[in-house]
PDB file of all heavy atoms in Angstrom:
ATOM      1  N   ALA A   1     241.889  30.708 188.740  1.00  0.00           N
ATOM      2  CA  ALA A   1     241.598  31.174 189.960  1.00  0.00           C
ATOM      3  C   ALA A   1     242.620  32.298 190.315  1.00  0.00           C
ATOM      4  O   ALA A   1     242.214  33.449 190.843  1.00  0.00           O
ATOM      5  CB  ALA A   1     241.663  30.142 191.021  1.00  0.00           C
ATOM      6  N   VAL A   2     243.895  32.126 190.031  1.00  0.00           N
ATOM      7  CA  VAL A   2     244.870  33.040 190.367  1.00  0.00           C
ATOM      8  C   VAL A   2     244.689  34.337 189.508  1.00  0.00           C
ATOM      9  O   VAL A   2     244.656  35.469 190.077  1.00  0.00           O
ATOM     10  CB  VAL A   2     246.386  32.513 190.111  1.00  0.00           C
ATOM     11  CG1 VAL A   2     247.372  33.607 190.162  1.00  0.00           C
ATOM     12  CG2 VAL A   2     246.623  31.480 191.164  1.00  0.00           C
ATOM     13  N   CYS A   3     244.271  34.219 188.195  1.00  0.00           N
ATOM     14  CA  CYS A   3     243.972  35.375 187.395  1.00  0.00           C
ATOM     15  C   CYS A   3     242.827  36.146 187.892  1.00  0.00           C
ATOM     16  O   CYS A   3     242.877  37.364 187.902  1.00  0.00           O
ATOM     17  CB  CYS A   3     243.755  34.861 185.932  1.00  0.00           C
ATOM     18  SG  CYS A   3     245.347  34.349 185.067  1.00  0.00           S
ATOM     19  N   CYS A   4     241.788  35.452 188.404  1.00  0.00           N
ATOM     20  CA  CYS A   4     240.637  36.157 188.910  1.00  0.00           C
ATOM     21  C   CYS A   4     240.985  36.912 190.177  1.00  0.00           C
ATOM     22  O   CYS A   4     240.525  38.017 190.378  1.00  0.00           O
ATOM     23  CB  CYS A   4     239.465  35.161 189.207  1.00  0.00           C
ATOM     24  SG  CYS A   4     238.779  34.458 187.720  1.00  0.00           S
ATOM     25  N   ILE A   5     241.822  36.391 191.009  1.00  0.00           N
ATOM     26  CA  ILE A   5     242.151  36.960 192.294  1.00  0.00           C
ATOM     27  C   ILE A   5     242.944  38.229 191.954  1.00  0.00           C
ATOM     28  O   ILE A   5     242.748  39.269 192.462  1.00  0.00           O
ATOM     29  CB  ILE A   5     242.885  36.011 193.169  1.00  0.00           C
ATOM     30  CG1 ILE A   5     241.959  34.979 193.783  1.00  0.00           C
ATOM     31  CG2 ILE A   5     243.627  36.737 194.326  1.00  0.00           C
ATOM     32  CD1 ILE A   5     242.692  33.794 194.539  1.00  0.00           C
ATOM     33  N   LEU A   6     243.953  38.133 191.034  1.00  0.00           N
ATOM     34  CA  LEU A   6     244.783  39.224 190.671  1.00  0.00           C
ATOM     35  C   LEU A   6     243.916  40.321 190.068  1.00  0.00           C
ATOM     36  O   LEU A   6     244.166  41.512 190.280  1.00  0.00           O
ATOM     37  CB  LEU A   6     245.820  38.815 189.675  1.00  0.00           C
ATOM     38  CG  LEU A   6     246.998  38.018 190.292  1.00  0.00           C
ATOM     39  CD1 LEU A   6     248.007  37.599 189.188  1.00  0.00           C
ATOM     40  CD2 LEU A   6     247.734  38.920 191.216  1.00  0.00           C
ATOM     41  N   ALA A   7     242.968  39.969 189.228  1.00  0.00           N
ATOM     42  CA  ALA A   7     242.131  40.992 188.587  1.00  0.00           C
ATOM     43  C   ALA A   7     241.314  41.704 189.656  1.00  0.00           C
ATOM     44  O   ALA A   7     241.155  42.955 189.553  1.00  0.00           O
ATOM     45  CB  ALA A   7     241.174  40.326 187.619  1.00  0.00           C
ATOM     46  N   VAL A   8     240.800  41.058 190.711  1.00  0.00           N
ATOM     47  CA  VAL A   8     240.109  41.667 191.779  1.00  0.00           C
ATOM     48  C   VAL A   8     240.947  42.657 192.476  1.00  0.00           C
ATOM     49  O   VAL A   8     240.575  43.743 192.867  1.00  0.00           O
ATOM     50  CB  VAL A   8     239.424  40.671 192.644  1.00  0.00           C
ATOM     51  CG1 VAL A   8     238.790  41.279 193.940  1.00  0.00           C
ATOM     52  CG2 VAL A   8     238.291  39.917 191.972  1.00  0.00           C
ATOM     53  N   LEU A   9     242.226  42.109 192.837  1.00  0.00           N
ATOM     54  CA  LEU A   9     243.116  42.948 193.563  1.00  0.00           C
ATOM     55  C   LEU A   9     243.616  44.157 192.819  1.00  0.00           C
ATOM     56  O   LEU A   9     243.687  45.300 193.340  1.00  0.00           O
ATOM     57  CB  LEU A   9     244.304  42.102 194.036  1.00  0.00           C
ATOM     58  CG  LEU A   9     244.101  41.046 195.032  1.00  0.00           C
ATOM     59  CD1 LEU A   9     245.464  40.261 195.277  1.00  0.00           C
ATOM     60  CD2 LEU A   9     243.740  41.662 196.405  1.00  0.00           C
ATOM     61  N   LEU A  10     243.836  44.000 191.587  1.00  0.00           N
ATOM     62  CA  LEU A  10     244.220  45.139 190.684  1.00  0.00           C
ATOM     63  C   LEU A  10     243.190  46.113 190.522  1.00  0.00           C
ATOM     64  O   LEU A  10     243.410  47.366 190.389  1.00  0.00           O
ATOM     65  CB  LEU A  10     244.816  44.668 189.426  1.00  0.00           C
ATOM     66  CG  LEU A  10     246.197  44.031 189.429  1.00  0.00           C
ATOM     67  CD1 LEU A  10     246.552  43.403 188.115  1.00  0.00           C
ATOM     68  CD2 LEU A  10     247.199  44.785 190.010  1.00  0.00           C
ATOM     69  N   ALA A  11     241.970  45.672 190.480  1.00  0.00           N
ATOM     70  CA  ALA A  11     240.802  46.542 190.371  1.00  0.00           C
ATOM     71  C   ALA A  11     240.705  47.496 191.496  1.00  0.00           C
ATOM     72  O   ALA A  11     240.264  48.551 191.440  1.00  0.00           O
ATOM     73  CB  ALA A  11     239.549  45.790 190.133  1.00  0.00           C
ATOM     74  N   GLY A  12     241.231  47.013 192.662  1.00  0.00           N
ATOM     75  CA  GLY A  12     241.077  47.834 193.915  1.00  0.00           C
ATOM     76  C   GLY A  12     242.219  48.914 193.840  1.00  0.00           C
ATOM     77  O   GLY A  12     242.234  49.838 194.619  1.00  0.00           O
ATOM     78  N   CYS A  13     243.209  48.767 193.034  1.00  0.00           N
ATOM     79  CA  CYS A  13     244.271  49.699 192.974  1.00  0.00           C
ATOM     80  C   CYS A  13     243.890  50.903 192.127  1.00  0.00           C
ATOM     81  O   CYS A  13     243.018  50.773 191.211  1.00  0.00           O
ATOM     82  CB  CYS A  13     245.527  49.106 192.402  1.00  0.00           C
ATOM     83  SG  CYS A  13     246.233  47.744 193.366  1.00  0.00           S
ATOM     84  N   GLY A  14     244.568  52.071 192.293  1.00  0.00           N
ATOM     85  CA  GLY A  14     244.239  53.238 191.478  1.00  0.00           C
ATOM     86  C   GLY A  14     242.982  53.923 191.908  1.00  0.00           C
ATOM     87  O   GLY A  14     242.512  53.684 193.034  1.00  0.00           O
ATOM     88  N   TYR A  15     242.521  54.737 191.034  1.00  0.00           N
ATOM     89  CA  TYR A  15     241.480  55.634 191.426  1.00  0.00           C
ATOM     90  C   TYR A  15     240.110  55.240 190.699  1.00  0.00           C
ATOM     91  O   TYR A  15     239.993  54.784 189.606  1.00  0.00           O
ATOM     92  CB  TYR A  15     241.776  57.093 190.906  1.00  0.00           C
ATOM     93  CG  TYR A  15     243.114  57.517 191.474  1.00  0.00           C
ATOM     94  CD1 TYR A  15     244.053  58.090 190.698  1.00  0.00           C
ATOM     95  CD2 TYR A  15     243.276  57.582 192.864  1.00  0.00           C
ATOM     96  CE1 TYR A  15     245.184  58.668 191.224  1.00  0.00           C
ATOM     97  CE2 TYR A  15     244.344  58.078 193.432  1.00  0.00           C
ATOM     98  CZ  TYR A  15     245.416  58.674 192.548  1.00  0.00           C
ATOM     99  OH  TYR A  15     246.559  59.137 193.117  1.00  0.00           O
ATOM    100  N   LYS A  16     239.060  55.544 191.414  1.00  0.00           N
ATOM    101  CA  LYS A  16     237.713  55.279 190.950  1.00  0.00           C
ATOM    102  C   LYS A  16     237.176  56.552 190.191  1.00  0.00           C
ATOM    103  O   LYS A  16     237.553  57.706 190.633  1.00  0.00           O
ATOM    104  CB  LYS A  16     236.698  54.999 192.062  1.00  0.00           C
ATOM    105  CG  LYS A  16     237.058  53.788 193.055  1.00  0.00           C
ATOM    106  CD  LYS A  16     236.849  52.492 192.354  1.00  0.00           C
ATOM    107  CE  LYS A  16     237.210  51.430 193.371  1.00  0.00           C
ATOM    108  NZ  LYS A  16     237.732  50.208 192.721  1.00  0.00           N
ATOM    109  N   ASP A  17     236.463  56.349 189.196  1.00  0.00           N
ATOM    110  CA  ASP A  17     235.908  57.487 188.439  1.00  0.00           C
ATOM    111  C   ASP A  17     234.966  58.424 189.337  1.00  0.00           C
ATOM    112  O   ASP A  17     234.284  57.908 190.166  1.00  0.00           O
ATOM    113  CB  ASP A  17     235.101  57.070 187.257  1.00  0.00           C
ATOM    114  CG  ASP A  17     235.956  56.420 186.166  1.00  0.00           C
ATOM    115  OD1 ASP A  17     237.238  56.315 186.356  1.00  0.00           O
ATOM    116  OD2 ASP A  17     235.468  55.900 185.097  1.00  0.00           O
ATOM    117  N   GLY A  18     235.103  59.673 189.085  1.00  0.00           N
ATOM    118  CA  GLY A  18     234.287  60.591 189.858  1.00  0.00           C
ATOM    119  C   GLY A  18     234.944  61.940 189.963  1.00  0.00           C
ATOM    120  O   GLY A  18     236.114  62.181 189.497  1.00  0.00           O
ATOM    121  N   THR A  19     234.343  62.891 190.612  1.00  0.00           N
ATOM    122  CA  THR A  19     234.902  64.235 190.863  1.00  0.00           C
ATOM    123  C   THR A  19     234.972  64.387 192.376  1.00  0.00           C
ATOM    124  O   THR A  19     234.050  64.072 193.110  1.00  0.00           O
ATOM    125  CB  THR A  19     234.004  65.370 190.279  1.00  0.00           C
ATOM    126  OG1 THR A  19     233.918  65.259 188.812  1.00  0.00           O
ATOM    127  CG2 THR A  19     234.559  66.698 190.595  1.00  0.00           C
ATOM    128  N   TYR A  20     236.180  64.671 192.795  1.00  0.00           N
ATOM    129  CA  TYR A  20     236.564  64.748 194.287  1.00  0.00           C
ATOM    130  C   TYR A  20     236.998  66.107 194.558  1.00  0.00           C
ATOM    131  O   TYR A  20     237.753  66.700 193.746  1.00  0.00           O
ATOM    132  CB  TYR A  20     237.743  63.704 194.546  1.00  0.00           C
ATOM    133  CG  TYR A  20     237.366  62.297 194.048  1.00  0.00           C
ATOM    134  CD1 TYR A  20     237.557  61.838 192.829  1.00  0.00           C
ATOM    135  CD2 TYR A  20     236.611  61.433 194.931  1.00  0.00           C
ATOM    136  CE1 TYR A  20     237.250  60.610 192.407  1.00  0.00           C
ATOM    137  CE2 TYR A  20     236.261  60.111 194.493  1.00  0.00           C
ATOM    138  CZ  TYR A  20     236.581  59.769 193.255  1.00  0.00           C
ATOM    139  OH  TYR A  20     236.144  58.467 192.862  1.00  0.00           O
ATOM    140  N   SER A  21     236.699  66.621 195.783  1.00  0.00           N
ATOM    141  CA  SER A  21     237.224  67.837 196.229  1.00  0.00           C
ATOM    142  C   SER A  21     237.520  67.870 197.664  1.00  0.00           C
ATOM    143  O   SER A  21     236.866  67.183 198.484  1.00  0.00           O
ATOM    144  CB  SER A  21     236.154  68.966 195.909  1.00  0.00           C
ATOM    145  OG  SER A  21     235.013  68.753 196.643  1.00  0.00           O
ATOM    146  N   ALA A  22     238.501  68.682 198.037  1.00  0.00           N
ATOM    147  CA  ALA A  22     238.876  68.918 199.383  1.00  0.00           C
ATOM    148  C   ALA A  22     239.207  70.372 199.599  1.00  0.00           C
ATOM    149  O   ALA A  22     239.761  71.009 198.665  1.00  0.00           O
ATOM    150  CB  ALA A  22     240.081  68.070 199.818  1.00  0.00           C
ATOM    151  N   GLU A  23     238.817  70.906 200.664  1.00  0.00           N
ATOM    152  CA  GLU A  23     239.101  72.263 201.061  1.00  0.00           C
ATOM    153  C   GLU A  23     239.387  72.550 202.495  1.00  0.00           C
ATOM    154  O   GLU A  23     239.014  71.645 203.259  1.00  0.00           O
ATOM    155  CB  GLU A  23     238.052  73.247 200.438  1.00  0.00           C
ATOM    156  CG  GLU A  23     236.788  73.148 201.238  1.00  0.00           C
ATOM    157  CD  GLU A  23     235.697  74.213 200.698  1.00  0.00           C
ATOM    158  OE1 GLU A  23     235.839  74.678 199.624  1.00  0.00           O
ATOM    159  OE2 GLU A  23     234.737  74.381 201.543  1.00  0.00           O
ATOM    160  N   PHE A  24     240.061  73.601 202.837  1.00  0.00           N
ATOM    161  CA  PHE A  24     240.287  73.880 204.206  1.00  0.00           C
ATOM    162  C   PHE A  24     238.982  74.341 204.960  1.00  0.00           C
ATOM    163  O   PHE A  24     238.065  74.802 204.307  1.00  0.00           O
ATOM    164  CB  PHE A  24     241.476  74.841 204.302  1.00  0.00           C
ATOM    165  CG  PHE A  24     242.764  74.240 204.070  1.00  0.00           C
ATOM    166  CD1 PHE A  24     243.413  74.463 202.858  1.00  0.00           C
ATOM    167  CD2 PHE A  24     243.400  73.470 205.003  1.00  0.00           C
ATOM    168  CE1 PHE A  24     244.530  73.823 202.639  1.00  0.00           C
ATOM    169  CE2 PHE A  24     244.596  72.751 204.762  1.00  0.00           C
ATOM    170  CZ  PHE A  24     245.182  72.990 203.539  1.00  0.00           C
ATOM    171  N   THR A  25     239.034  74.278 206.287  1.00  0.00           N
ATOM    172  CA  THR A  25     237.875  74.611 207.010  1.00  0.00           C
ATOM    173  C   THR A  25     237.573  76.115 206.916  1.00  0.00           C
ATOM    174  O   THR A  25     236.453  76.531 206.820  1.00  0.00           O
ATOM    175  CB  THR A  25     238.020  74.217 208.468  1.00  0.00           C
ATOM    176  OG1 THR A  25     238.426  72.859 208.523  1.00  0.00           O
ATOM    177  CG2 THR A  25     236.821  74.520 209.424  1.00  0.00           C
ATOM    178  N   ASN A  26     238.623  76.963 207.101  1.00  0.00           N
ATOM    179  CA  ASN A  26     238.407  78.414 207.264  1.00  0.00           C
ATOM    180  C   ASN A  26     239.136  79.186 206.173  1.00  0.00           C
ATOM    181  O   ASN A  26     240.034  78.680 205.586  1.00  0.00           O
ATOM    182  CB  ASN A  26     238.879  78.895 208.662  1.00  0.00           C
ATOM    183  CG  ASN A  26     238.049  78.173 209.718  1.00  0.00           C
ATOM    184  OD1 ASN A  26     236.845  78.296 209.803  1.00  0.00           O
ATOM    185  ND2 ASN A  26     238.775  77.445 210.650  1.00  0.00           N
ATOM    186  N   PHE A  27     238.695  80.378 206.002  1.00  0.00           N
ATOM    187  CA  PHE A  27     239.490  81.386 205.112  1.00  0.00           C
ATOM    188  C   PHE A  27     240.688  81.767 205.846  1.00  0.00           C
ATOM    189  O   PHE A  27     240.718  81.990 207.123  1.00  0.00           O
ATOM    190  CB  PHE A  27     238.525  82.511 204.832  1.00  0.00           C
ATOM    191  CG  PHE A  27     237.361  82.130 203.913  1.00  0.00           C
ATOM    192  CD1 PHE A  27     236.112  81.769 204.533  1.00  0.00           C
ATOM    193  CD2 PHE A  27     237.532  82.043 202.624  1.00  0.00           C
ATOM    194  CE1 PHE A  27     235.048  81.473 203.736  1.00  0.00           C
ATOM    195  CE2 PHE A  27     236.443  81.671 201.832  1.00  0.00           C
ATOM    196  CZ  PHE A  27     235.222  81.308 202.364  1.00  0.00           C
ATOM    197  N   ASP A  28     241.847  81.968 205.137  1.00  0.00           N
ATOM    198  CA  ASP A  28     243.063  82.484 205.672  1.00  0.00           C
ATOM    199  C   ASP A  28     243.023  83.977 205.944  1.00  0.00           C
ATOM    200  O   ASP A  28     241.975  84.618 205.726  1.00  0.00           O
ATOM    201  CB  ASP A  28     244.211  82.066 204.785  1.00  0.00           C
ATOM    202  CG  ASP A  28     244.293  82.685 203.463  1.00  0.00           C
ATOM    203  OD1 ASP A  28     243.650  83.741 203.220  1.00  0.00           O
ATOM    204  OD2 ASP A  28     244.954  82.109 202.566  1.00  0.00           O
ATOM    205  N   SER A  29     244.154  84.577 206.453  1.00  0.00           N
ATOM    206  CA  SER A  29     244.147  85.855 206.778  1.00  0.00           C
ATOM    207  C   SER A  29     244.046  86.784 205.605  1.00  0.00           C
ATOM    208  O   SER A  29     243.789  88.035 205.759  1.00  0.00           O
ATOM    209  CB  SER A  29     245.473  86.252 207.575  1.00  0.00           C
ATOM    210  OG  SER A  29     246.590  85.942 206.748  1.00  0.00           O
ATOM    211  N   LEU A  30     244.297  86.288 204.416  1.00  0.00           N
ATOM    212  CA  LEU A  30     244.164  87.080 203.070  1.00  0.00           C
ATOM    213  C   LEU A  30     242.753  86.898 202.475  1.00  0.00           C
ATOM    214  O   LEU A  30     242.475  87.391 201.356  1.00  0.00           O
ATOM    215  CB  LEU A  30     245.219  86.680 202.141  1.00  0.00           C
ATOM    216  CG  LEU A  30     246.680  86.863 202.699  1.00  0.00           C
ATOM    217  CD1 LEU A  30     247.654  86.342 201.741  1.00  0.00           C
ATOM    218  CD2 LEU A  30     246.929  88.366 202.899  1.00  0.00           C
ATOM    219  N   GLY A  31     241.823  86.118 203.235  1.00  0.00           N
ATOM    220  CA  GLY A  31     240.578  86.003 202.688  1.00  0.00           C
ATOM    221  C   GLY A  31     240.235  84.872 201.712  1.00  0.00           C
ATOM    222  O   GLY A  31     239.194  84.772 201.107  1.00  0.00           O
ATOM    223  N   TYR A  32     241.189  83.901 201.540  1.00  0.00           N
ATOM    224  CA  TYR A  32     241.017  82.721 200.757  1.00  0.00           C
ATOM    225  C   TYR A  32     241.039  81.465 201.395  1.00  0.00           C
ATOM    226  O   TYR A  32     241.677  81.314 202.501  1.00  0.00           O
ATOM    227  CB  TYR A  32     242.129  82.782 199.540  1.00  0.00           C
ATOM    228  CG  TYR A  32     241.858  83.812 198.656  1.00  0.00           C
ATOM    229  CD1 TYR A  32     242.522  85.045 198.724  1.00  0.00           C
ATOM    230  CD2 TYR A  32     241.048  83.589 197.527  1.00  0.00           C
ATOM    231  CE1 TYR A  32     242.298  85.954 197.779  1.00  0.00           C
ATOM    232  CE2 TYR A  32     240.777  84.535 196.534  1.00  0.00           C
ATOM    233  CZ  TYR A  32     241.463  85.811 196.725  1.00  0.00           C
ATOM    234  OH  TYR A  32     241.242  86.753 195.787  1.00  0.00           O
ATOM    235  N   LYS A  33     240.430  80.490 200.832  1.00  0.00           N
ATOM    236  CA  LYS A  33     240.430  79.141 201.464  1.00  0.00           C
ATOM    237  C   LYS A  33     240.822  78.214 200.205  1.00  0.00           C
ATOM    238  O   LYS A  33     240.131  78.137 199.196  1.00  0.00           O
ATOM    239  CB  LYS A  33     238.967  78.719 201.809  1.00  0.00           C
ATOM    240  CG  LYS A  33     238.736  77.367 202.300  1.00  0.00           C
ATOM    241  CD  LYS A  33     237.315  76.881 202.548  1.00  0.00           C
ATOM    242  CE  LYS A  33     236.474  77.857 203.326  1.00  0.00           C
ATOM    243  NZ  LYS A  33     235.219  77.231 203.696  1.00  0.00           N
ATOM    244  N   ASP A  34     241.951  77.527 200.354  1.00  0.00           N
ATOM    245  CA  ASP A  34     242.475  76.686 199.341  1.00  0.00           C
ATOM    246  C   ASP A  34     241.613  75.420 199.208  1.00  0.00           C
ATOM    247  O   ASP A  34     241.187  74.903 200.121  1.00  0.00           O
ATOM    248  CB  ASP A  34     243.972  76.343 199.478  1.00  0.00           C
ATOM    249  CG  ASP A  34     244.911  77.464 199.230  1.00  0.00           C
ATOM    250  OD1 ASP A  34     244.496  78.351 198.348  1.00  0.00           O
ATOM    251  OD2 ASP A  34     246.030  77.548 199.658  1.00  0.00           O
ATOM    252  N   ARG A  35     241.461  74.992 197.922  1.00  0.00           N
ATOM    253  CA  ARG A  35     240.822  73.852 197.550  1.00  0.00           C
ATOM    254  C   ARG A  35     241.438  73.122 196.468  1.00  0.00           C
ATOM    255  O   ARG A  35     242.097  73.728 195.577  1.00  0.00           O
ATOM    256  CB  ARG A  35     239.301  74.120 197.392  1.00  0.00           C
ATOM    257  CG  ARG A  35     239.018  74.826 196.060  1.00  0.00           C
ATOM    258  CD  ARG A  35     237.655  75.090 195.776  1.00  0.00           C
ATOM    259  NE  ARG A  35     237.403  75.895 194.518  1.00  0.00           N
ATOM    260  CZ  ARG A  35     236.392  76.383 194.199  1.00  0.00           C
ATOM    261  NH1 ARG A  35     235.321  76.301 194.965  1.00  0.00           N
ATOM    262  NH2 ARG A  35     236.311  77.066 193.105  1.00  0.00           N
ATOM    263  N   LEU A  36     241.215  71.826 196.415  1.00  0.00           N
ATOM    264  CA  LEU A  36     241.695  70.989 195.290  1.00  0.00           C
ATOM    265  C   LEU A  36     240.474  70.132 194.766  1.00  0.00           C
ATOM    266  O   LEU A  36     239.837  69.501 195.517  1.00  0.00           O
ATOM    267  CB  LEU A  36     242.815  70.038 195.846  1.00  0.00           C
ATOM    268  CG  LEU A  36     243.386  68.989 194.762  1.00  0.00           C
ATOM    269  CD1 LEU A  36     243.998  69.721 193.567  1.00  0.00           C
ATOM    270  CD2 LEU A  36     244.429  68.082 195.569  1.00  0.00           C
ATOM    271  N   GLN A  37     240.200  70.228 193.477  1.00  0.00           N
ATOM    272  CA  GLN A  37     239.168  69.455 192.908  1.00  0.00           C
ATOM    273  C   GLN A  37     239.761  68.619 191.824  1.00  0.00           C
ATOM    274  O   GLN A  37     240.596  69.027 190.989  1.00  0.00           O
ATOM    275  CB  GLN A  37     238.147  70.361 192.246  1.00  0.00           C
ATOM    276  CG  GLN A  37     237.017  69.524 191.626  1.00  0.00           C
ATOM    277  CD  GLN A  37     235.802  70.479 191.253  1.00  0.00           C
ATOM    278  OE1 GLN A  37     235.429  71.419 191.889  1.00  0.00           O
ATOM    279  NE2 GLN A  37     235.332  70.177 190.059  1.00  0.00           N
ATOM    280  N   ILE A  38     239.531  67.350 191.706  1.00  0.00           N
ATOM    281  CA  ILE A  38     240.109  66.396 190.858  1.00  0.00           C
ATOM    282  C   ILE A  38     238.911  65.508 190.174  1.00  0.00           C
ATOM    283  O   ILE A  38     238.024  65.024 190.872  1.00  0.00           O
ATOM    284  CB  ILE A  38     241.007  65.423 191.593  1.00  0.00           C
ATOM    285  CG1 ILE A  38     242.204  66.230 192.107  1.00  0.00           C
ATOM    286  CG2 ILE A  38     241.551  64.188 190.677  1.00  0.00           C
ATOM    287  CD1 ILE A  38     243.265  65.430 192.944  1.00  0.00           C
ATOM    288  N   THR A  39     239.148  65.389 188.898  1.00  0.00           N
ATOM    289  CA  THR A  39     238.149  64.563 188.097  1.00  0.00           C
ATOM    290  C   THR A  39     238.923  63.306 187.563  1.00  0.00           C
ATOM    291  O   THR A  39     240.001  63.491 187.011  1.00  0.00           O
ATOM    292  CB  THR A  39     237.520  65.290 186.901  1.00  0.00           C
ATOM    293  OG1 THR A  39     236.851  66.523 187.453  1.00  0.00           O
ATOM    294  CG2 THR A  39     236.536  64.435 186.185  1.00  0.00           C
ATOM    295  N   VAL A  40     238.373  62.120 187.813  1.00  0.00           N
ATOM    296  CA  VAL A  40     238.910  60.924 187.392  1.00  0.00           C
ATOM    297  C   VAL A  40     238.038  60.175 186.341  1.00  0.00           C
ATOM    298  O   VAL A  40     236.792  60.076 186.697  1.00  0.00           O
ATOM    299  CB  VAL A  40     239.239  59.909 188.656  1.00  0.00           C
ATOM    300  CG1 VAL A  40     239.757  58.680 188.077  1.00  0.00           C
ATOM    301  CG2 VAL A  40     240.153  60.533 189.651  1.00  0.00           C
ATOM    302  N   THR A  41     238.589  59.830 185.219  1.00  0.00           N
ATOM    303  CA  THR A  41     237.824  59.176 184.205  1.00  0.00           C
ATOM    304  C   THR A  41     238.670  57.975 183.800  1.00  0.00           C
ATOM    305  O   THR A  41     239.809  58.075 183.503  1.00  0.00           O
ATOM    306  CB  THR A  41     237.577  60.020 183.024  1.00  0.00           C
ATOM    307  OG1 THR A  41     236.974  61.300 183.438  1.00  0.00           O
ATOM    308  CG2 THR A  41     236.711  59.345 181.922  1.00  0.00           C
ATOM    309  N   ASP A  42     238.038  56.802 183.786  1.00  0.00           N
ATOM    310  CA  ASP A  42     238.697  55.569 183.441  1.00  0.00           C
ATOM    311  C   ASP A  42     240.002  55.381 184.299  1.00  0.00           C
ATOM    312  O   ASP A  42     240.939  54.870 183.735  1.00  0.00           O
ATOM    313  CB  ASP A  42     239.089  55.507 181.994  1.00  0.00           C
ATOM    314  CG  ASP A  42     237.758  55.576 181.034  1.00  0.00           C
ATOM    315  OD1 ASP A  42     236.745  54.995 181.407  1.00  0.00           O
ATOM    316  OD2 ASP A  42     237.843  56.010 179.971  1.00  0.00           O
TER     317      ASP A  42
END
């Protein structure tokens, strides 16, 4: 039971597989909008 609980808890840690992105709402005064795109595998 303890091993199962730990496995469930540890599975919740870390990152889930997928491609994630975030960017700012508007373009800056130089005409750019910064963004970060991250891909997670395993």
